Amino acid sequence: MGFTAAQAARLSDCTVGQLRHWSRSGLVEPGDNGGYGFRDLVALRVVRSMLDAGLPSIRVRAALTAVRDAGHDLTSLRLITDGRHVWACHDDGQILDALRAGQLALFVAVDQVAADVDADVRAFSLERAAFVERLTAQG
């Protein structure tokens, strides 16, 4: 299911302006159909979390690029950051130094972010279905 920028902003706790900026800069872009998918919503929340943790946007970009280039699925990782460095950790104990050096400080549980996005998407879908049903009943 694809979501518009406004819907993705609501579901990812970002602003539409942030989404547009991140799309123009290639940080997180909508899919081929022009809409944001589940993985995109997770990536948006992860970007927001890392920025809120004090990581500069250039390092956020480098970390996401390293994770993607290594072929890892962001939704199945845990990210650790100290505001300067980022590590991507798998459940099996493998660790990717996403910025090539650093020390441990903050743990971003991307799998929990993904679960939260999933719950919000389900609630959003129910709200949308109820809205359409009300419109249909009126017309």
N, C-alpha and C. Protein backbone atom coordinates (compact mmCIF):
# COMPACT_ATOMS: atom_id res chain seq x y z
N MET A 1 0.85 -1.17 0.00
CA MET A 1 0.00 0.00 0.00
C MET A 1 0.90 1.23 0.00
N GLY A 2 0.60 2.20 -0.85
CA GLY A 2 1.35 3.44 -0.90
C GLY A 2 0.62 4.55 -0.17
N PHE A 3 1.38 5.41 0.47
CA PHE A 3 0.82 6.52 1.21
C PHE A 3 1.30 7.83 0.60
N THR A 4 0.45 8.83 0.58
CA THR A 4 0.83 10.15 0.09
C THR A 4 1.82 10.76 1.07
N ALA A 5 2.42 11.88 0.66
CA ALA A 5 3.37 12.56 1.54
C ALA A 5 2.67 13.00 2.84
N ALA A 6 1.46 13.49 2.74
CA ALA A 6 0.73 13.94 3.94
C ALA A 6 0.45 12.75 4.87
N GLN A 7 0.04 11.62 4.30
CA GLN A 7 -0.23 10.44 5.10
C GLN A 7 1.07 9.90 5.71
N ALA A 8 2.14 9.87 4.92
CA ALA A 8 3.43 9.39 5.41
C ALA A 8 3.95 10.29 6.53
N ALA A 9 3.75 11.60 6.38
CA ALA A 9 4.18 12.53 7.42
C ALA A 9 3.45 12.23 8.72
N ARG A 10 2.16 12.01 8.63
CA ARG A 10 1.37 11.70 9.82
C ARG A 10 1.82 10.39 10.46
N LEU A 11 2.05 9.37 9.63
CA LEU A 11 2.41 8.05 10.15
C LEU A 11 3.84 7.96 10.63
N SER A 12 4.71 8.87 10.17
CA SER A 12 6.12 8.81 10.56
C SER A 12 6.49 9.89 11.57
N ASP A 13 5.52 10.71 11.96
CA ASP A 13 5.75 11.78 12.92
C ASP A 13 6.78 12.79 12.40
N CYS A 14 6.70 13.05 11.11
CA CYS A 14 7.56 14.05 10.46
C CYS A 14 6.65 15.09 9.82
N THR A 15 7.24 16.13 9.29
CA THR A 15 6.45 17.12 8.56
C THR A 15 6.54 16.82 7.07
N VAL A 16 5.57 17.32 6.32
CA VAL A 16 5.60 17.16 4.86
C VAL A 16 6.84 17.85 4.31
N GLY A 17 7.21 18.98 4.90
CA GLY A 17 8.42 19.68 4.48
C GLY A 17 9.67 18.83 4.65
N GLN A 18 9.75 18.10 5.77
CA GLN A 18 10.89 17.20 5.98
C GLN A 18 10.90 16.12 4.92
N LEU A 19 9.74 15.53 4.64
CA LEU A 19 9.67 14.48 3.64
C LEU A 19 10.10 14.99 2.27
N ARG A 20 9.65 16.18 1.91
CA ARG A 20 10.05 16.76 0.61
C ARG A 20 11.56 16.98 0.56
N HIS A 21 12.11 17.53 1.63
CA HIS A 21 13.55 17.78 1.68
C HIS A 21 14.32 16.47 1.58
N TRP A 22 13.91 15.47 2.36
CA TRP A 22 14.60 14.19 2.35
C TRP A 22 14.45 13.48 1.01
N SER A 23 13.32 13.69 0.35
CA SER A 23 13.12 13.10 -0.98
C SER A 23 14.03 13.78 -2.00
N ARG A 24 14.06 15.12 -2.00
CA ARG A 24 14.92 15.86 -2.94
C ARG A 24 16.39 15.51 -2.74
N SER A 25 16.78 15.29 -1.50
CA SER A 25 18.19 14.99 -1.22
C SER A 25 18.51 13.51 -1.38
N GLY A 26 17.48 12.69 -1.63
CA GLY A 26 17.70 11.26 -1.84
C GLY A 26 17.83 10.46 -0.56
N LEU A 27 17.57 11.06 0.59
CA LEU A 27 17.70 10.35 1.86
C LEU A 27 16.64 9.27 1.99
N VAL A 28 15.38 9.65 1.86
CA VAL A 28 14.26 8.70 1.83
C VAL A 28 13.31 9.19 0.75
N GLU A 29 13.18 8.40 -0.30
CA GLU A 29 12.34 8.78 -1.43
C GLU A 29 11.12 7.88 -1.49
N PRO A 30 9.99 8.44 -1.99
CA PRO A 30 8.81 7.58 -2.19
C PRO A 30 9.12 6.53 -3.24
N GLY A 31 8.33 5.47 -3.26
CA GLY A 31 8.54 4.38 -4.20
C GLY A 31 8.24 4.77 -5.63
N ASP A 32 8.33 3.80 -6.52
CA ASP A 32 8.13 4.02 -7.95
C ASP A 32 6.74 4.56 -8.26
N ASN A 33 5.75 4.20 -7.44
CA ASN A 33 4.38 4.65 -7.67
C ASN A 33 4.13 6.06 -7.10
N GLY A 34 5.17 6.68 -6.56
CA GLY A 34 5.04 8.02 -6.00
C GLY A 34 4.57 8.04 -4.56
N GLY A 35 4.22 6.88 -4.02
CA GLY A 35 3.77 6.79 -2.64
C GLY A 35 4.83 6.18 -1.75
N TYR A 36 4.68 6.40 -0.46
CA TYR A 36 5.59 5.85 0.53
C TYR A 36 5.06 4.49 0.99
N GLY A 37 5.93 3.50 1.04
CA GLY A 37 5.56 2.17 1.52
C GLY A 37 5.96 1.98 2.97
N PHE A 38 5.69 0.79 3.48
CA PHE A 38 5.98 0.47 4.88
C PHE A 38 7.46 0.70 5.21
N ARG A 39 8.36 0.17 4.38
CA ARG A 39 9.80 0.33 4.65
C ARG A 39 10.20 1.80 4.63
N ASP A 40 9.54 2.58 3.76
CA ASP A 40 9.82 4.01 3.72
C ASP A 40 9.40 4.69 5.02
N LEU A 41 8.24 4.28 5.56
CA LEU A 41 7.77 4.85 6.83
C LEU A 41 8.74 4.53 7.95
N VAL A 42 9.24 3.30 7.96
CA VAL A 42 10.23 2.91 8.97
C VAL A 42 11.48 3.77 8.81
N ALA A 43 11.96 3.91 7.57
CA ALA A 43 13.15 4.72 7.31
C ALA A 43 12.94 6.16 7.76
N LEU A 44 11.76 6.71 7.51
CA LEU A 44 11.47 8.09 7.93
C LEU A 44 11.55 8.23 9.45
N ARG A 45 10.97 7.27 10.16
CA ARG A 45 11.03 7.33 11.63
C ARG A 45 12.45 7.15 12.14
N VAL A 46 13.21 6.30 11.48
CA VAL A 46 14.61 6.08 11.89
C VAL A 46 15.41 7.36 11.66
N VAL A 47 15.23 7.99 10.52
CA VAL A 47 15.92 9.26 10.24
C VAL A 47 15.57 10.27 11.32
N ARG A 48 14.30 10.38 11.61
CA ARG A 48 13.85 11.34 12.64
C ARG A 48 14.48 11.01 14.00
N SER A 49 14.52 9.73 14.36
CA SER A 49 15.10 9.31 15.64
C SER A 49 16.58 9.65 15.72
N MET A 50 17.30 9.41 14.63
CA MET A 50 18.74 9.68 14.63
C MET A 50 19.01 11.19 14.69
N LEU A 51 18.21 11.96 13.97
CA LEU A 51 18.37 13.42 14.04
C LEU A 51 18.04 13.92 15.44
N ASP A 52 16.97 13.39 16.04
CA ASP A 52 16.59 13.79 17.40
C ASP A 52 17.67 13.40 18.41
N ALA A 53 18.43 12.33 18.11
CA ALA A 53 19.51 11.90 19.00
C ALA A 53 20.76 12.76 18.83
N GLY A 54 20.71 13.71 17.89
CA GLY A 54 21.84 14.62 17.71
C GLY A 54 22.79 14.25 16.59
N LEU A 55 22.46 13.23 15.83
CA LEU A 55 23.32 12.83 14.72
C LEU A 55 23.15 13.82 13.57
N PRO A 56 24.23 14.40 13.06
CA PRO A 56 24.12 15.34 11.93
C PRO A 56 23.54 14.65 10.70
N SER A 57 22.80 15.38 9.90
CA SER A 57 22.13 14.78 8.74
C SER A 57 23.11 14.12 7.77
N ILE A 58 24.32 14.65 7.66
CA ILE A 58 25.30 14.03 6.77
C ILE A 58 25.68 12.64 7.27
N ARG A 59 25.72 12.45 8.57
CA ARG A 59 26.03 11.13 9.14
C ARG A 59 24.82 10.19 9.03
N VAL A 60 23.62 10.75 9.18
CA VAL A 60 22.41 9.94 8.99
C VAL A 60 22.41 9.38 7.57
N ARG A 61 22.70 10.25 6.60
CA ARG A 61 22.75 9.82 5.20
C ARG A 61 23.81 8.74 5.01
N ALA A 62 24.99 8.95 5.56
CA ALA A 62 26.08 7.98 5.41
C ALA A 62 25.69 6.64 6.03
N ALA A 63 25.06 6.68 7.19
CA ALA A 63 24.66 5.44 7.86
C ALA A 63 23.62 4.69 7.04
N LEU A 64 22.59 5.38 6.58
CA LEU A 64 21.55 4.71 5.79
C LEU A 64 22.12 4.17 4.48
N THR A 65 23.01 4.93 3.86
CA THR A 65 23.64 4.48 2.62
C THR A 65 24.46 3.22 2.86
N ALA A 66 25.23 3.19 3.95
CA ALA A 66 26.05 2.01 4.27
C ALA A 66 25.17 0.79 4.52
N VAL A 67 24.07 0.97 5.23
CA VAL A 67 23.15 -0.14 5.52
C VAL A 67 22.55 -0.65 4.21
N ARG A 68 22.07 0.27 3.37
CA ARG A 68 21.47 -0.13 2.09
C ARG A 68 22.50 -0.78 1.18
N ASP A 69 23.69 -0.17 1.08
CA ASP A 69 24.74 -0.71 0.20
C ASP A 69 25.19 -2.10 0.63
N ALA A 70 25.11 -2.38 1.93
CA ALA A 70 25.48 -3.70 2.43
C ALA A 70 24.37 -4.71 2.20
N GLY A 71 23.23 -4.25 1.67
CA GLY A 71 22.12 -5.14 1.36
C GLY A 71 21.26 -5.53 2.55
N HIS A 72 21.34 -4.76 3.62
CA HIS A 72 20.57 -5.07 4.82
C HIS A 72 19.18 -4.44 4.75
N ASP A 73 18.21 -5.12 5.33
CA ASP A 73 16.85 -4.61 5.44
C ASP A 73 16.75 -3.82 6.75
N LEU A 74 16.51 -2.54 6.65
CA LEU A 74 16.47 -1.66 7.81
C LEU A 74 15.46 -2.12 8.85
N THR A 75 14.36 -2.73 8.41
CA THR A 75 13.31 -3.12 9.36
C THR A 75 13.70 -4.27 10.27
N SER A 76 14.80 -4.96 9.95
CA SER A 76 15.21 -6.10 10.77
C SER A 76 16.46 -5.82 11.60
N LEU A 77 16.85 -4.56 11.70
CA LEU A 77 18.07 -4.19 12.41
C LEU A 77 17.78 -3.43 13.70
N ARG A 78 18.81 -3.32 14.50
CA ARG A 78 18.85 -2.38 15.62
C ARG A 78 20.01 -1.45 15.32
N LEU A 79 19.78 -0.16 15.49
CA LEU A 79 20.84 0.82 15.27
C LEU A 79 21.30 1.38 16.60
N ILE A 80 22.60 1.55 16.71
CA ILE A 80 23.19 2.13 17.91
C ILE A 80 23.93 3.38 17.46
N THR A 81 23.71 4.49 18.18
CA THR A 81 24.40 5.74 17.85
C THR A 81 24.74 6.50 19.12
N ASP A 82 25.83 7.26 19.03
CA ASP A 82 26.20 8.16 20.12
C ASP A 82 26.07 9.61 19.68
N GLY A 83 25.42 9.83 18.56
CA GLY A 83 25.28 11.17 18.02
C GLY A 83 26.35 11.50 16.99
N ARG A 84 27.37 10.68 16.92
CA ARG A 84 28.43 10.86 15.91
C ARG A 84 28.64 9.61 15.08
N HIS A 85 28.42 8.45 15.67
CA HIS A 85 28.70 7.17 15.03
C HIS A 85 27.43 6.33 15.00
N VAL A 86 27.39 5.37 14.07
CA VAL A 86 26.22 4.50 13.95
C VAL A 86 26.68 3.07 13.68
N TRP A 87 26.09 2.12 14.42
CA TRP A 87 26.32 0.70 14.18
C TRP A 87 24.97 0.06 13.90
N ALA A 88 24.94 -0.87 12.95
CA ALA A 88 23.75 -1.64 12.64
C ALA A 88 23.97 -3.05 13.18
N CYS A 89 23.07 -3.51 14.04
CA CYS A 89 23.22 -4.80 14.70
C CYS A 89 22.10 -5.76 14.28
N HIS A 90 22.49 -6.98 13.98
CA HIS A 90 21.54 -8.04 13.66
C HIS A 90 21.29 -8.86 14.92
N ASP A 91 20.16 -9.56 14.94
CA ASP A 91 19.84 -10.42 16.07
C ASP A 91 20.87 -11.53 16.27
N ASP A 92 21.54 -11.92 15.17
CA ASP A 92 22.53 -13.00 15.29
C ASP A 92 23.89 -12.51 15.78
N GLY A 93 23.97 -11.24 16.13
CA GLY A 93 25.21 -10.71 16.70
C GLY A 93 26.12 -10.01 15.71
N GLN A 94 25.81 -10.07 14.41
CA GLN A 94 26.62 -9.35 13.43
C GLN A 94 26.43 -7.85 13.61
N ILE A 95 27.53 -7.10 13.51
CA ILE A 95 27.48 -5.65 13.66
C ILE A 95 28.16 -4.99 12.47
N LEU A 96 27.46 -4.04 11.86
CA LEU A 96 28.01 -3.26 10.76
C LEU A 96 28.33 -1.87 11.29
N ASP A 97 29.57 -1.45 11.18
CA ASP A 97 29.96 -0.10 11.56
C ASP A 97 29.56 0.80 10.40
N ALA A 98 28.40 1.44 10.51
CA ALA A 98 27.84 2.18 9.40
C ALA A 98 28.63 3.44 9.05
N LEU A 99 29.46 3.90 9.94
CA LEU A 99 30.29 5.08 9.65
C LEU A 99 31.77 4.77 9.77
N ARG A 100 32.12 3.51 9.91
CA ARG A 100 33.50 3.01 9.89
C ARG A 100 34.30 3.21 11.17
N ALA A 101 33.76 3.85 12.22
CA ALA A 101 34.49 4.00 13.49
C ALA A 101 33.53 4.51 14.56
N GLY A 102 33.89 4.40 15.87
CA GLY A 102 33.06 4.99 16.91
C GLY A 102 32.93 4.16 18.16
N GLN A 103 32.05 4.63 19.09
CA GLN A 103 31.80 3.91 20.33
C GLN A 103 30.31 3.92 20.63
N LEU A 104 29.87 2.95 21.41
CA LEU A 104 28.46 2.71 21.71
C LEU A 104 27.90 3.72 22.71
N ALA A 105 26.66 4.21 22.44
CA ALA A 105 26.01 5.08 23.41
C ALA A 105 24.49 4.94 23.39
N LEU A 106 23.83 5.05 22.25
CA LEU A 106 22.36 5.04 22.17
C LEU A 106 21.91 3.92 21.26
N PHE A 107 20.89 3.19 21.69
CA PHE A 107 20.37 2.06 20.93
C PHE A 107 19.03 2.46 20.33
N VAL A 108 18.88 2.43 19.00
CA VAL A 108 17.61 2.71 18.32
C VAL A 108 17.04 1.37 17.87
N ALA A 109 15.96 0.94 18.47
CA ALA A 109 15.36 -0.36 18.15
C ALA A 109 14.47 -0.21 16.92
N VAL A 110 15.06 -0.42 15.74
CA VAL A 110 14.33 -0.24 14.49
C VAL A 110 13.20 -1.26 14.39
N ASP A 111 13.39 -2.47 14.92
CA ASP A 111 12.32 -3.46 14.86
C ASP A 111 11.10 -2.97 15.65
N GLN A 112 11.32 -2.25 16.76
CA GLN A 112 10.20 -1.69 17.51
C GLN A 112 9.58 -0.53 16.75
N VAL A 113 10.40 0.28 16.08
CA VAL A 113 9.89 1.35 15.23
C VAL A 113 9.00 0.74 14.14
N ALA A 114 9.47 -0.35 13.53
CA ALA A 114 8.69 -1.02 12.48
C ALA A 114 7.36 -1.53 13.04
N ALA A 115 7.36 -2.10 14.24
CA ALA A 115 6.13 -2.57 14.87
C ALA A 115 5.18 -1.41 15.15
N ASP A 116 5.73 -0.28 15.60
CA ASP A 116 4.91 0.90 15.86
C ASP A 116 4.31 1.44 14.56
N VAL A 117 5.11 1.47 13.49
CA VAL A 117 4.61 1.92 12.19
C VAL A 117 3.49 0.99 11.73
N ASP A 118 3.68 -0.32 11.89
CA ASP A 118 2.67 -1.29 11.48
C ASP A 118 1.36 -1.04 12.22
N ALA A 119 1.43 -0.81 13.53
CA ALA A 119 0.22 -0.54 14.32
C ALA A 119 -0.45 0.74 13.86
N ASP A 120 0.34 1.77 13.59
CA ASP A 120 -0.22 3.04 13.14
C ASP A 120 -0.84 2.92 11.75
N VAL A 121 -0.22 2.14 10.88
CA VAL A 121 -0.77 1.92 9.54
C VAL A 121 -2.10 1.19 9.63
N ARG A 122 -2.17 0.18 10.50
CA ARG A 122 -3.44 -0.54 10.69
C ARG A 122 -4.53 0.39 11.20
N ALA A 123 -4.21 1.23 12.19
CA ALA A 123 -5.19 2.17 12.74
C ALA A 123 -5.61 3.18 11.67
N PHE A 124 -4.65 3.66 10.89
CA PHE A 124 -4.93 4.61 9.82
C PHE A 124 -5.88 3.97 8.79
N SER A 125 -5.62 2.73 8.42
CA SER A 125 -6.45 2.03 7.44
C SER A 125 -7.87 1.86 7.95
N LEU A 126 -8.02 1.55 9.24
CA LEU A 126 -9.36 1.44 9.83
C LEU A 126 -10.08 2.78 9.82
N GLU A 127 -9.36 3.85 10.16
CA GLU A 127 -9.96 5.20 10.13
C GLU A 127 -10.40 5.56 8.72
N ARG A 128 -9.55 5.25 7.75
CA ARG A 128 -9.87 5.58 6.36
C ARG A 128 -11.09 4.78 5.90
N ALA A 129 -11.15 3.50 6.24
CA ALA A 129 -12.28 2.67 5.85
C ALA A 129 -13.58 3.18 6.48
N ALA A 130 -13.51 3.58 7.74
CA ALA A 130 -14.69 4.14 8.42
C ALA A 130 -15.13 5.44 7.77
N PHE A 131 -14.17 6.27 7.37
CA PHE A 131 -14.48 7.53 6.72
C PHE A 131 -15.18 7.28 5.38
N VAL A 132 -14.65 6.36 4.59
CA VAL A 132 -15.24 6.04 3.29
C VAL A 132 -16.64 5.46 3.49
N GLU A 133 -16.80 4.63 4.51
CA GLU A 133 -18.11 4.05 4.79
C GLU A 133 -19.13 5.13 5.15
N ARG A 134 -18.69 6.12 5.96
CA ARG A 134 -19.59 7.23 6.31
C ARG A 134 -19.97 8.03 5.06
N LEU A 135 -19.01 8.29 4.18
CA LEU A 135 -19.28 9.02 2.95
C LEU A 135 -20.26 8.26 2.07
N THR A 136 -20.08 6.96 1.98
CA THR A 136 -20.94 6.13 1.14
C THR A 136 -22.36 6.13 1.71
N ALA A 137 -22.48 6.06 3.02
CA ALA A 137 -23.79 6.04 3.66
C ALA A 137 -24.54 7.35 3.47
N GLN A 138 -23.81 8.46 3.38
CA GLN A 138 -24.43 9.79 3.21
C GLN A 138 -24.90 10.01 1.78
N GLY A 139 -24.18 9.42 0.83
CA GLY A 139 -24.43 9.71 -0.58
C GLY A 139 -25.33 8.74 -1.17
